[in-house]
Amino acid sequence: MGSALVLLLLLGLSPALSRGQMGSPTPHEDTVGGPGSGAAPGLPVLWDELLGLKELVLRLKAAEVGRRQALRSVESRLRDRELEAGKQRGELEAQVEALRSRMTSSEEEVEELKRKNTALAAELPFLQTRLRWSESTVEQMRKKSAVLAARLCNTESLMEELMKQTSGQINPLSSGKQK
């Protein structure tokens, strides 16, 4: 099939064939074997065209091979990049999942702290009242302590005075007994 296609191309591209000069050579054409050789007069033209077509086909094949190699190279790089992107995507998804987990944990901790804060805020007025009451009680106890300290001091003074008086009365009695 390929050779039939080349033959059709030769017939379609040949200027001698397209002008209808296959059987009659022009005066400017050279013949291969000369006038008596029996060679067809359009054969050298066909041969030149065939060689030109062969060169064209070879250049086209070389260009196609180059394009295929470039395409394979691009496809290979694309596959490598897709694999790398897949790995990076997996790593990023794992990081995102870890961050989501941490965020959920942090949100739960925040909610727990809010609940504790609300409970402490509700307890705060009660504690403030108790503190004021305790401060008031301490102040009252200080006053009572001061009063008791003054009374104690007064009592000690009275005791010392009584002791002096008692010892003064006991001394004359004890000196009379000894005589």
N, C-alpha and C. Protein backbone atom coordinates (compact mmCIF):
# COMPACT_ATOMS: atom_id res chain seq x y z
N MET A 1 0.82 -1.18 0.00
CA MET A 1 0.00 0.00 0.00
C MET A 1 0.87 1.25 0.00
N GLY A 2 1.99 1.23 0.73
CA GLY A 2 2.90 2.37 0.78
C GLY A 2 3.52 2.64 -0.58
N SER A 3 3.88 1.58 -1.30
CA SER A 3 4.51 1.78 -2.61
C SER A 3 3.49 2.30 -3.62
N ALA A 4 2.24 1.88 -3.48
CA ALA A 4 1.20 2.39 -4.37
C ALA A 4 0.97 3.87 -4.13
N LEU A 5 1.06 4.26 -2.89
CA LEU A 5 0.89 5.67 -2.55
C LEU A 5 2.03 6.50 -3.11
N VAL A 6 3.26 5.97 -3.03
CA VAL A 6 4.42 6.68 -3.58
C VAL A 6 4.27 6.80 -5.09
N LEU A 7 3.79 5.75 -5.74
CA LEU A 7 3.61 5.79 -7.19
C LEU A 7 2.57 6.83 -7.57
N LEU A 8 1.46 6.89 -6.82
CA LEU A 8 0.44 7.90 -7.10
C LEU A 8 1.00 9.30 -6.88
N LEU A 9 1.80 9.47 -5.83
CA LEU A 9 2.43 10.76 -5.59
C LEU A 9 3.35 11.14 -6.74
N LEU A 10 4.10 10.15 -7.23
CA LEU A 10 5.00 10.41 -8.35
C LEU A 10 4.21 10.85 -9.58
N LEU A 11 3.13 10.18 -9.82
CA LEU A 11 2.34 10.51 -10.99
C LEU A 11 1.67 11.88 -10.83
N GLY A 12 1.25 12.17 -9.61
CA GLY A 12 0.55 13.44 -9.39
C GLY A 12 1.50 14.61 -9.31
N LEU A 13 2.73 14.42 -8.87
CA LEU A 13 3.65 15.52 -8.67
C LEU A 13 4.59 15.73 -9.85
N SER A 14 4.67 14.80 -10.71
CA SER A 14 5.60 14.91 -11.82
C SER A 14 5.14 16.01 -12.78
N PRO A 15 6.01 17.02 -13.04
CA PRO A 15 5.62 18.07 -13.98
C PRO A 15 5.50 17.53 -15.41
N ALA A 16 6.29 16.54 -15.75
CA ALA A 16 6.23 15.98 -17.09
C ALA A 16 4.91 15.26 -17.27
N LEU A 17 4.46 14.51 -16.23
CA LEU A 17 3.21 13.79 -16.35
C LEU A 17 2.02 14.73 -16.34
N SER A 18 2.12 15.78 -15.51
CA SER A 18 0.99 16.69 -15.41
C SER A 18 0.84 17.50 -16.68
N ARG A 19 1.92 17.68 -17.42
CA ARG A 19 1.83 18.41 -18.68
C ARG A 19 1.51 17.48 -19.84
N GLY A 20 1.48 16.19 -19.57
CA GLY A 20 1.15 15.22 -20.61
C GLY A 20 2.32 14.92 -21.50
N GLN A 21 3.53 15.01 -21.03
CA GLN A 21 4.71 14.82 -21.85
C GLN A 21 5.38 13.48 -21.58
N MET A 22 4.66 12.52 -21.19
CA MET A 22 5.25 11.23 -20.82
C MET A 22 5.90 10.57 -22.02
N GLY A 23 5.25 10.53 -23.11
CA GLY A 23 5.78 9.80 -24.26
C GLY A 23 6.61 10.66 -25.18
N SER A 24 6.53 11.96 -25.17
CA SER A 24 7.27 12.79 -26.12
C SER A 24 8.23 13.70 -25.39
N PRO A 25 9.50 13.48 -25.56
CA PRO A 25 10.48 14.31 -24.88
C PRO A 25 10.57 15.69 -25.53
N THR A 26 10.93 16.64 -24.72
CA THR A 26 11.11 18.00 -25.26
C THR A 26 12.52 18.11 -25.78
N PRO A 27 12.80 19.09 -26.58
CA PRO A 27 14.15 19.19 -27.15
C PRO A 27 15.18 19.49 -26.06
N HIS A 28 14.81 20.01 -24.94
CA HIS A 28 15.78 20.36 -23.90
C HIS A 28 16.09 19.20 -22.96
N GLU A 29 15.32 18.13 -23.01
CA GLU A 29 15.52 17.02 -22.09
C GLU A 29 16.65 16.14 -22.56
N ASP A 30 17.39 15.64 -21.58
CA ASP A 30 18.46 14.69 -21.89
C ASP A 30 17.90 13.30 -21.73
N THR A 31 18.31 12.41 -22.55
CA THR A 31 17.88 11.03 -22.41
C THR A 31 19.04 10.23 -21.87
N VAL A 32 18.71 9.14 -21.21
CA VAL A 32 19.73 8.36 -20.53
C VAL A 32 20.62 7.65 -21.55
N GLY A 33 20.05 6.97 -22.46
CA GLY A 33 20.86 6.17 -23.38
C GLY A 33 21.03 6.81 -24.74
N GLY A 34 20.55 8.01 -24.92
CA GLY A 34 20.66 8.66 -26.20
C GLY A 34 19.49 8.29 -27.07
N PRO A 35 19.49 8.73 -28.33
CA PRO A 35 18.34 8.53 -29.18
C PRO A 35 18.10 7.07 -29.52
N GLY A 36 19.03 6.26 -29.54
CA GLY A 36 18.81 4.88 -29.93
C GLY A 36 18.84 3.92 -28.77
N SER A 37 18.88 4.34 -27.56
CA SER A 37 19.05 3.44 -26.43
C SER A 37 17.79 2.73 -26.05
N GLY A 38 16.68 3.23 -26.36
CA GLY A 38 15.42 2.60 -26.04
C GLY A 38 14.88 3.03 -24.69
N ALA A 39 15.52 3.91 -24.02
CA ALA A 39 15.03 4.38 -22.72
C ALA A 39 13.92 5.38 -22.94
N ALA A 40 13.00 5.40 -22.05
CA ALA A 40 11.88 6.33 -22.17
C ALA A 40 12.42 7.74 -21.99
N PRO A 41 11.95 8.69 -22.82
CA PRO A 41 12.51 10.02 -22.77
C PRO A 41 12.18 10.75 -21.46
N GLY A 42 11.09 10.48 -20.70
CA GLY A 42 10.73 11.18 -19.47
C GLY A 42 11.29 10.51 -18.23
N LEU A 43 12.01 9.45 -18.39
CA LEU A 43 12.53 8.69 -17.27
C LEU A 43 13.51 9.47 -16.40
N PRO A 44 14.43 10.24 -16.93
CA PRO A 44 15.34 10.99 -16.06
C PRO A 44 14.58 12.01 -15.19
N VAL A 45 13.58 12.58 -15.72
CA VAL A 45 12.79 13.55 -14.94
C VAL A 45 12.08 12.82 -13.82
N LEU A 46 11.50 11.67 -14.18
CA LEU A 46 10.81 10.88 -13.16
C LEU A 46 11.80 10.40 -12.10
N TRP A 47 12.98 10.02 -12.55
CA TRP A 47 13.99 9.54 -11.61
C TRP A 47 14.41 10.67 -10.65
N ASP A 48 14.59 11.87 -11.16
CA ASP A 48 14.94 13.02 -10.32
C ASP A 48 13.83 13.32 -9.32
N GLU A 49 12.61 13.25 -9.80
CA GLU A 49 11.49 13.50 -8.91
C GLU A 49 11.40 12.42 -7.84
N LEU A 50 11.65 11.18 -8.25
CA LEU A 50 11.63 10.08 -7.29
C LEU A 50 12.70 10.27 -6.22
N LEU A 51 13.89 10.66 -6.63
CA LEU A 51 14.96 10.92 -5.66
C LEU A 51 14.60 12.09 -4.75
N GLY A 52 14.02 13.11 -5.33
CA GLY A 52 13.60 14.26 -4.51
C GLY A 52 12.52 13.87 -3.51
N LEU A 53 11.58 13.03 -3.98
CA LEU A 53 10.53 12.56 -3.08
C LEU A 53 11.11 11.66 -1.99
N LYS A 54 12.11 10.86 -2.37
CA LYS A 54 12.74 9.99 -1.38
C LYS A 54 13.41 10.83 -0.30
N GLU A 55 14.11 11.87 -0.71
CA GLU A 55 14.75 12.76 0.26
C GLU A 55 13.70 13.45 1.14
N LEU A 56 12.62 13.87 0.49
CA LEU A 56 11.54 14.51 1.25
C LEU A 56 10.95 13.56 2.29
N VAL A 57 10.70 12.31 1.86
CA VAL A 57 10.15 11.31 2.77
C VAL A 57 11.12 11.05 3.92
N LEU A 58 12.41 10.94 3.62
CA LEU A 58 13.40 10.71 4.66
C LEU A 58 13.46 11.89 5.65
N ARG A 59 13.40 13.11 5.11
CA ARG A 59 13.39 14.28 6.00
C ARG A 59 12.13 14.31 6.86
N LEU A 60 10.99 13.96 6.23
CA LEU A 60 9.73 13.93 6.99
C LEU A 60 9.77 12.85 8.07
N LYS A 61 10.35 11.68 7.73
CA LYS A 61 10.47 10.62 8.72
C LYS A 61 11.39 11.04 9.86
N ALA A 62 12.50 11.69 9.53
CA ALA A 62 13.43 12.16 10.56
C ALA A 62 12.74 13.20 11.45
N ALA A 63 11.99 14.09 10.82
CA ALA A 63 11.27 15.10 11.61
C ALA A 63 10.22 14.43 12.50
N GLU A 64 9.55 13.39 11.94
CA GLU A 64 8.54 12.68 12.72
C GLU A 64 9.20 11.95 13.89
N VAL A 65 10.35 11.35 13.66
CA VAL A 65 11.08 10.67 14.73
C VAL A 65 11.46 11.68 15.81
N GLY A 66 11.93 12.85 15.40
CA GLY A 66 12.28 13.89 16.36
C GLY A 66 11.08 14.34 17.17
N ARG A 67 9.96 14.52 16.46
CA ARG A 67 8.74 14.94 17.17
C ARG A 67 8.27 13.85 18.13
N ARG A 68 8.37 12.59 17.70
CA ARG A 68 7.97 11.49 18.59
C ARG A 68 8.87 11.43 19.82
N GLN A 69 10.16 11.59 19.62
CA GLN A 69 11.08 11.59 20.76
C GLN A 69 10.76 12.74 21.70
N ALA A 70 10.51 13.92 21.12
CA ALA A 70 10.16 15.08 21.95
C ALA A 70 8.86 14.81 22.70
N LEU A 71 7.89 14.19 22.00
CA LEU A 71 6.61 13.87 22.61
C LEU A 71 6.81 12.87 23.76
N ARG A 72 7.62 11.84 23.53
CA ARG A 72 7.89 10.86 24.59
C ARG A 72 8.57 11.53 25.78
N SER A 73 9.49 12.42 25.49
CA SER A 73 10.18 13.13 26.56
C SER A 73 9.19 13.98 27.36
N VAL A 74 8.32 14.68 26.67
CA VAL A 74 7.32 15.51 27.34
C VAL A 74 6.36 14.63 28.14
N GLU A 75 5.94 13.50 27.55
CA GLU A 75 5.04 12.59 28.26
C GLU A 75 5.71 12.03 29.51
N SER A 76 6.99 11.68 29.38
CA SER A 76 7.72 11.15 30.53
C SER A 76 7.83 12.20 31.63
N ARG A 77 8.18 13.43 31.26
CA ARG A 77 8.26 14.50 32.26
C ARG A 77 6.89 14.75 32.87
N LEU A 78 5.84 14.70 32.05
CA LEU A 78 4.48 14.91 32.55
C LEU A 78 4.12 13.83 33.57
N ARG A 79 4.44 12.55 33.26
CA ARG A 79 4.15 11.47 34.20
C ARG A 79 4.93 11.68 35.50
N ASP A 80 6.21 12.05 35.37
CA ASP A 80 7.02 12.30 36.57
C ASP A 80 6.42 13.41 37.41
N ARG A 81 6.00 14.48 36.75
CA ARG A 81 5.41 15.61 37.47
C ARG A 81 4.07 15.22 38.10
N GLU A 82 3.30 14.39 37.38
CA GLU A 82 2.02 13.94 37.94
C GLU A 82 2.25 13.09 39.19
N LEU A 83 3.27 12.20 39.13
CA LEU A 83 3.59 11.39 40.31
C LEU A 83 4.04 12.27 41.47
N GLU A 84 4.90 13.24 41.16
CA GLU A 84 5.38 14.15 42.19
C GLU A 84 4.22 14.97 42.76
N ALA A 85 3.34 15.44 41.89
CA ALA A 85 2.18 16.20 42.35
C ALA A 85 1.27 15.32 43.21
N GLY A 86 1.13 14.05 42.83
CA GLY A 86 0.32 13.13 43.63
C GLY A 86 0.91 12.93 45.02
N LYS A 87 2.23 12.78 45.08
CA LYS A 87 2.89 12.64 46.39
C LYS A 87 2.70 13.91 47.22
N GLN A 88 2.91 15.05 46.58
CA GLN A 88 2.75 16.31 47.31
C GLN A 88 1.31 16.49 47.76
N ARG A 89 0.37 16.10 46.91
CA ARG A 89 -1.05 16.21 47.26
C ARG A 89 -1.34 15.34 48.48
N GLY A 90 -0.79 14.12 48.48
CA GLY A 90 -0.98 13.22 49.63
C GLY A 90 -0.39 13.81 50.91
N GLU A 91 0.82 14.37 50.79
CA GLU A 91 1.45 14.98 51.96
C GLU A 91 0.62 16.17 52.45
N LEU A 92 0.17 16.99 51.51
CA LEU A 92 -0.63 18.16 51.90
C LEU A 92 -1.96 17.74 52.53
N GLU A 93 -2.56 16.70 51.99
CA GLU A 93 -3.83 16.22 52.57
C GLU A 93 -3.60 15.71 53.98
N ALA A 94 -2.48 15.02 54.19
CA ALA A 94 -2.16 14.54 55.54
C ALA A 94 -1.94 15.72 56.49
N GLN A 95 -1.22 16.74 56.01
CA GLN A 95 -1.00 17.93 56.84
C GLN A 95 -2.32 18.63 57.14
N VAL A 96 -3.17 18.74 56.12
CA VAL A 96 -4.47 19.39 56.33
C VAL A 96 -5.29 18.61 57.35
N GLU A 97 -5.26 17.29 57.24
CA GLU A 97 -6.01 16.46 58.19
C GLU A 97 -5.47 16.63 59.61
N ALA A 98 -4.15 16.68 59.73
CA ALA A 98 -3.54 16.89 61.04
C ALA A 98 -3.93 18.25 61.60
N LEU A 99 -3.92 19.26 60.74
CA LEU A 99 -4.31 20.61 61.19
C LEU A 99 -5.79 20.65 61.57
N ARG A 100 -6.61 19.95 60.82
CA ARG A 100 -8.05 19.90 61.17
C ARG A 100 -8.24 19.24 62.53
N SER A 101 -7.50 18.17 62.75
CA SER A 101 -7.59 17.47 64.02
C SER A 101 -7.16 18.38 65.16
N ARG A 102 -6.03 19.07 64.97
CA ARG A 102 -5.56 20.00 66.00
C ARG A 102 -6.57 21.12 66.22
N MET A 103 -7.15 21.60 65.13
CA MET A 103 -8.12 22.69 65.26
C MET A 103 -9.36 22.22 66.01
N THR A 104 -9.82 21.02 65.70
CA THR A 104 -10.98 20.47 66.41
C THR A 104 -10.67 20.32 67.89
N SER A 105 -9.49 19.80 68.19
CA SER A 105 -9.07 19.65 69.58
C SER A 105 -9.00 21.00 70.27
N SER A 106 -8.43 21.98 69.59
CA SER A 106 -8.33 23.32 70.17
C SER A 106 -9.71 23.93 70.39
N GLU A 107 -10.61 23.71 69.45
CA GLU A 107 -11.97 24.23 69.60
C GLU A 107 -12.66 23.59 70.81
N GLU A 108 -12.44 22.29 70.98
CA GLU A 108 -13.03 21.61 72.14
C GLU A 108 -12.45 22.16 73.44
N GLU A 109 -11.13 22.41 73.45
CA GLU A 109 -10.51 22.98 74.64
C GLU A 109 -11.07 24.37 74.92
N VAL A 110 -11.26 25.16 73.87
CA VAL A 110 -11.81 26.50 74.04
C VAL A 110 -13.21 26.42 74.62
N GLU A 111 -14.01 25.49 74.12
CA GLU A 111 -15.37 25.33 74.65
C GLU A 111 -15.33 24.92 76.12
N GLU A 112 -14.43 24.01 76.47
CA GLU A 112 -14.29 23.59 77.87
C GLU A 112 -13.88 24.77 78.75
N LEU A 113 -12.93 25.56 78.26
CA LEU A 113 -12.49 26.73 79.01
C LEU A 113 -13.62 27.76 79.15
N LYS A 114 -14.43 27.89 78.12
CA LYS A 114 -15.58 28.80 78.20
C LYS A 114 -16.56 28.32 79.27
N ARG A 115 -16.80 27.01 79.31
CA ARG A 115 -17.71 26.47 80.32
C ARG A 115 -17.16 26.71 81.73
N LYS A 116 -15.85 26.45 81.90
CA LYS A 116 -15.24 26.68 83.20
C LYS A 116 -15.29 28.16 83.56
N ASN A 117 -15.03 29.00 82.60
CA ASN A 117 -15.05 30.43 82.83
C ASN A 117 -16.45 30.89 83.24
N THR A 118 -17.46 30.35 82.57
CA THR A 118 -18.84 30.70 82.91
C THR A 118 -19.17 30.24 84.34
N ALA A 119 -18.73 29.04 84.68
CA ALA A 119 -18.98 28.53 86.03
C ALA A 119 -18.26 29.38 87.07
N LEU A 120 -17.01 29.74 86.78
CA LEU A 120 -16.27 30.58 87.72
C LEU A 120 -16.87 31.98 87.81
N ALA A 121 -17.34 32.49 86.69
CA ALA A 121 -17.96 33.82 86.69
C ALA A 121 -19.24 33.79 87.52
N ALA A 122 -19.97 32.68 87.47
CA ALA A 122 -21.19 32.57 88.27
C ALA A 122 -20.85 32.44 89.75
N GLU A 123 -19.73 31.83 90.06
CA GLU A 123 -19.31 31.63 91.44
C GLU A 123 -18.64 32.87 92.02
N LEU A 124 -18.14 33.73 91.17
CA LEU A 124 -17.40 34.91 91.61
C LEU A 124 -18.20 35.82 92.55
N PRO A 125 -19.44 36.18 92.27
CA PRO A 125 -20.16 37.04 93.21
C PRO A 125 -20.30 36.40 94.59
N PHE A 126 -20.55 35.10 94.63
CA PHE A 126 -20.66 34.40 95.90
C PHE A 126 -19.34 34.49 96.67
N LEU A 127 -18.24 34.26 95.94
CA LEU A 127 -16.93 34.31 96.58
C LEU A 127 -16.60 35.73 97.04
N GLN A 128 -16.98 36.71 96.25
CA GLN A 128 -16.75 38.10 96.66
C GLN A 128 -17.53 38.42 97.94
N THR A 129 -18.76 37.93 98.01
CA THR A 129 -19.58 38.15 99.21
C THR A 129 -18.92 37.47 100.41
N ARG A 130 -18.47 36.24 100.23
CA ARG A 130 -17.80 35.52 101.32
C ARG A 130 -16.54 36.25 101.75
N LEU A 131 -15.80 36.77 100.77
CA LEU A 131 -14.57 37.49 101.08
C LEU A 131 -14.89 38.75 101.89
N ARG A 132 -15.89 39.50 101.48
CA ARG A 132 -16.27 40.69 102.24
C ARG A 132 -16.70 40.31 103.65
N TRP A 133 -17.48 39.24 103.76
CA TRP A 133 -17.93 38.79 105.08
C TRP A 133 -16.74 38.38 105.94
N SER A 134 -15.78 37.64 105.30
CA SER A 134 -14.58 37.22 106.03
C SER A 134 -13.76 38.43 106.46
N GLU A 135 -13.60 39.40 105.57
CA GLU A 135 -12.87 40.61 105.93
C GLU A 135 -13.56 41.34 107.08
N SER A 136 -14.88 41.40 107.00
CA SER A 136 -15.65 42.05 108.07
C SER A 136 -15.46 41.30 109.39
N THR A 137 -15.51 39.98 109.33
CA THR A 137 -15.34 39.16 110.52
C THR A 137 -13.94 39.35 111.09
N VAL A 138 -12.95 39.38 110.22
CA VAL A 138 -11.57 39.59 110.67
C VAL A 138 -11.45 40.95 111.34
N GLU A 139 -12.05 41.95 110.75
CA GLU A 139 -12.02 43.28 111.35
C GLU A 139 -12.69 43.29 112.72
N GLN A 140 -13.84 42.62 112.82
CA GLN A 140 -14.53 42.54 114.11
C GLN A 140 -13.66 41.80 115.13
N MET A 141 -13.00 40.72 114.67
CA MET A 141 -12.14 39.97 115.57
C MET A 141 -10.95 40.80 116.00
N ARG A 142 -10.43 41.63 115.14
CA ARG A 142 -9.32 42.51 115.50
C ARG A 142 -9.78 43.49 116.60
N LYS A 143 -10.97 44.03 116.37
CA LYS A 143 -11.50 44.96 117.38
C LYS A 143 -11.68 44.24 118.71
N LYS A 144 -12.29 43.05 118.67
CA LYS A 144 -12.49 42.27 119.90
C LYS A 144 -11.15 41.91 120.52
N SER A 145 -10.18 41.57 119.64
CA SER A 145 -8.85 41.21 120.12
C SER A 145 -8.21 42.41 120.80
N ALA A 146 -8.39 43.59 120.21
CA ALA A 146 -7.83 44.80 120.80
C ALA A 146 -8.49 45.07 122.16
N VAL A 147 -9.82 44.87 122.19
CA VAL A 147 -10.55 45.07 123.46
C VAL A 147 -10.07 44.05 124.49
N LEU A 148 -9.96 42.79 124.05
CA LEU A 148 -9.51 41.75 124.97
C LEU A 148 -8.07 42.00 125.42
N ALA A 149 -7.24 42.47 124.50
CA ALA A 149 -5.85 42.77 124.85
C ALA A 149 -5.82 43.89 125.88
N ALA A 150 -6.67 44.89 125.67
CA ALA A 150 -6.72 45.99 126.65
C ALA A 150 -7.23 45.48 127.99
N ARG A 151 -8.25 44.65 127.96
CA ARG A 151 -8.79 44.08 129.20
C ARG A 151 -7.76 43.21 129.89
N LEU A 152 -7.03 42.41 129.07
CA LEU A 152 -6.00 41.54 129.62
C LEU A 152 -4.91 42.38 130.28
N CYS A 153 -4.53 43.43 129.60
CA CYS A 153 -3.50 44.32 130.14
C CYS A 153 -4.00 44.95 131.44
N ASN A 154 -5.21 45.35 131.44
CA ASN A 154 -5.82 45.94 132.62
C ASN A 154 -5.90 44.92 133.74
N THR A 155 -6.28 43.69 133.38
CA THR A 155 -6.37 42.61 134.36
C THR A 155 -5.00 42.29 134.92
N GLU A 156 -3.99 42.27 134.07
CA GLU A 156 -2.63 42.01 134.53
C GLU A 156 -2.18 43.10 135.50
N SER A 157 -2.51 44.33 135.17
CA SER A 157 -2.15 45.44 136.06
C SER A 157 -2.84 45.27 137.40
N LEU A 158 -4.12 44.92 137.38
CA LEU A 158 -4.86 44.69 138.61
C LEU A 158 -4.26 43.54 139.39
N MET A 159 -3.87 42.50 138.68
CA MET A 159 -3.29 41.34 139.35
C MET A 159 -1.98 41.72 140.02
N GLU A 160 -1.17 42.51 139.34
CA GLU A 160 0.09 42.93 139.92
C GLU A 160 -0.17 43.78 141.16
N GLU A 161 -1.13 44.65 141.05
CA GLU A 161 -1.46 45.50 142.18
C GLU A 161 -1.98 44.66 143.34
N LEU A 162 -2.85 43.72 143.04
CA LEU A 162 -3.38 42.83 144.07
C LEU A 162 -2.26 42.00 144.68
N MET A 163 -1.35 41.56 143.84
CA MET A 163 -0.22 40.77 144.32
C MET A 163 0.64 41.60 145.27
N LYS A 164 0.82 42.84 144.95
CA LYS A 164 1.61 43.71 145.82
C LYS A 164 0.88 43.91 147.14
N GLN A 165 -0.40 44.13 147.02
CA GLN A 165 -1.19 44.35 148.25
C GLN A 165 -1.21 43.07 149.07
N THR A 166 -1.38 41.97 148.42
CA THR A 166 -1.44 40.71 149.12
C THR A 166 -0.08 40.40 149.73
N SER A 167 0.95 40.64 149.03
CA SER A 167 2.27 40.35 149.57
C SER A 167 2.58 41.32 150.70
N GLY A 168 2.06 42.54 150.67
CA GLY A 168 2.26 43.49 151.76
C GLY A 168 1.50 43.02 153.00
N GLN A 169 0.37 42.43 152.84
CA GLN A 169 -0.40 41.95 153.99
C GLN A 169 0.17 40.63 154.48
N ILE A 170 0.70 39.84 153.62
CA ILE A 170 1.23 38.56 154.01
C ILE A 170 2.55 38.78 154.74
N ASN A 171 3.33 39.74 154.42
CA ASN A 171 4.63 39.97 155.04
C ASN A 171 4.47 40.34 156.52
N PRO A 172 3.57 41.25 156.87
CA PRO A 172 3.47 41.52 158.31
C PRO A 172 2.97 40.30 159.04
N LEU A 173 2.15 39.54 158.47
CA LEU A 173 1.63 38.35 159.15
C LEU A 173 2.73 37.32 159.29
N SER A 174 3.48 37.15 158.27
CA SER A 174 4.52 36.16 158.34
C SER A 174 5.62 36.62 159.28
N SER A 175 5.88 37.90 159.44
CA SER A 175 6.89 38.35 160.40
C SER A 175 6.38 38.17 161.82
N GLY A 176 5.05 38.26 162.07
CA GLY A 176 4.51 38.06 163.40
C GLY A 176 4.53 36.60 163.79
N LYS A 177 4.42 35.73 162.98
CA LYS A 177 4.43 34.31 163.26
C LYS A 177 5.83 33.88 163.57
N GLN A 178 6.76 34.45 163.04
CA GLN A 178 8.13 34.04 163.24
C GLN A 178 8.60 34.51 164.61
N LYS A 179 8.06 35.45 165.20
CA LYS A 179 8.54 35.94 166.47
C LYS A 179 8.11 35.04 167.52
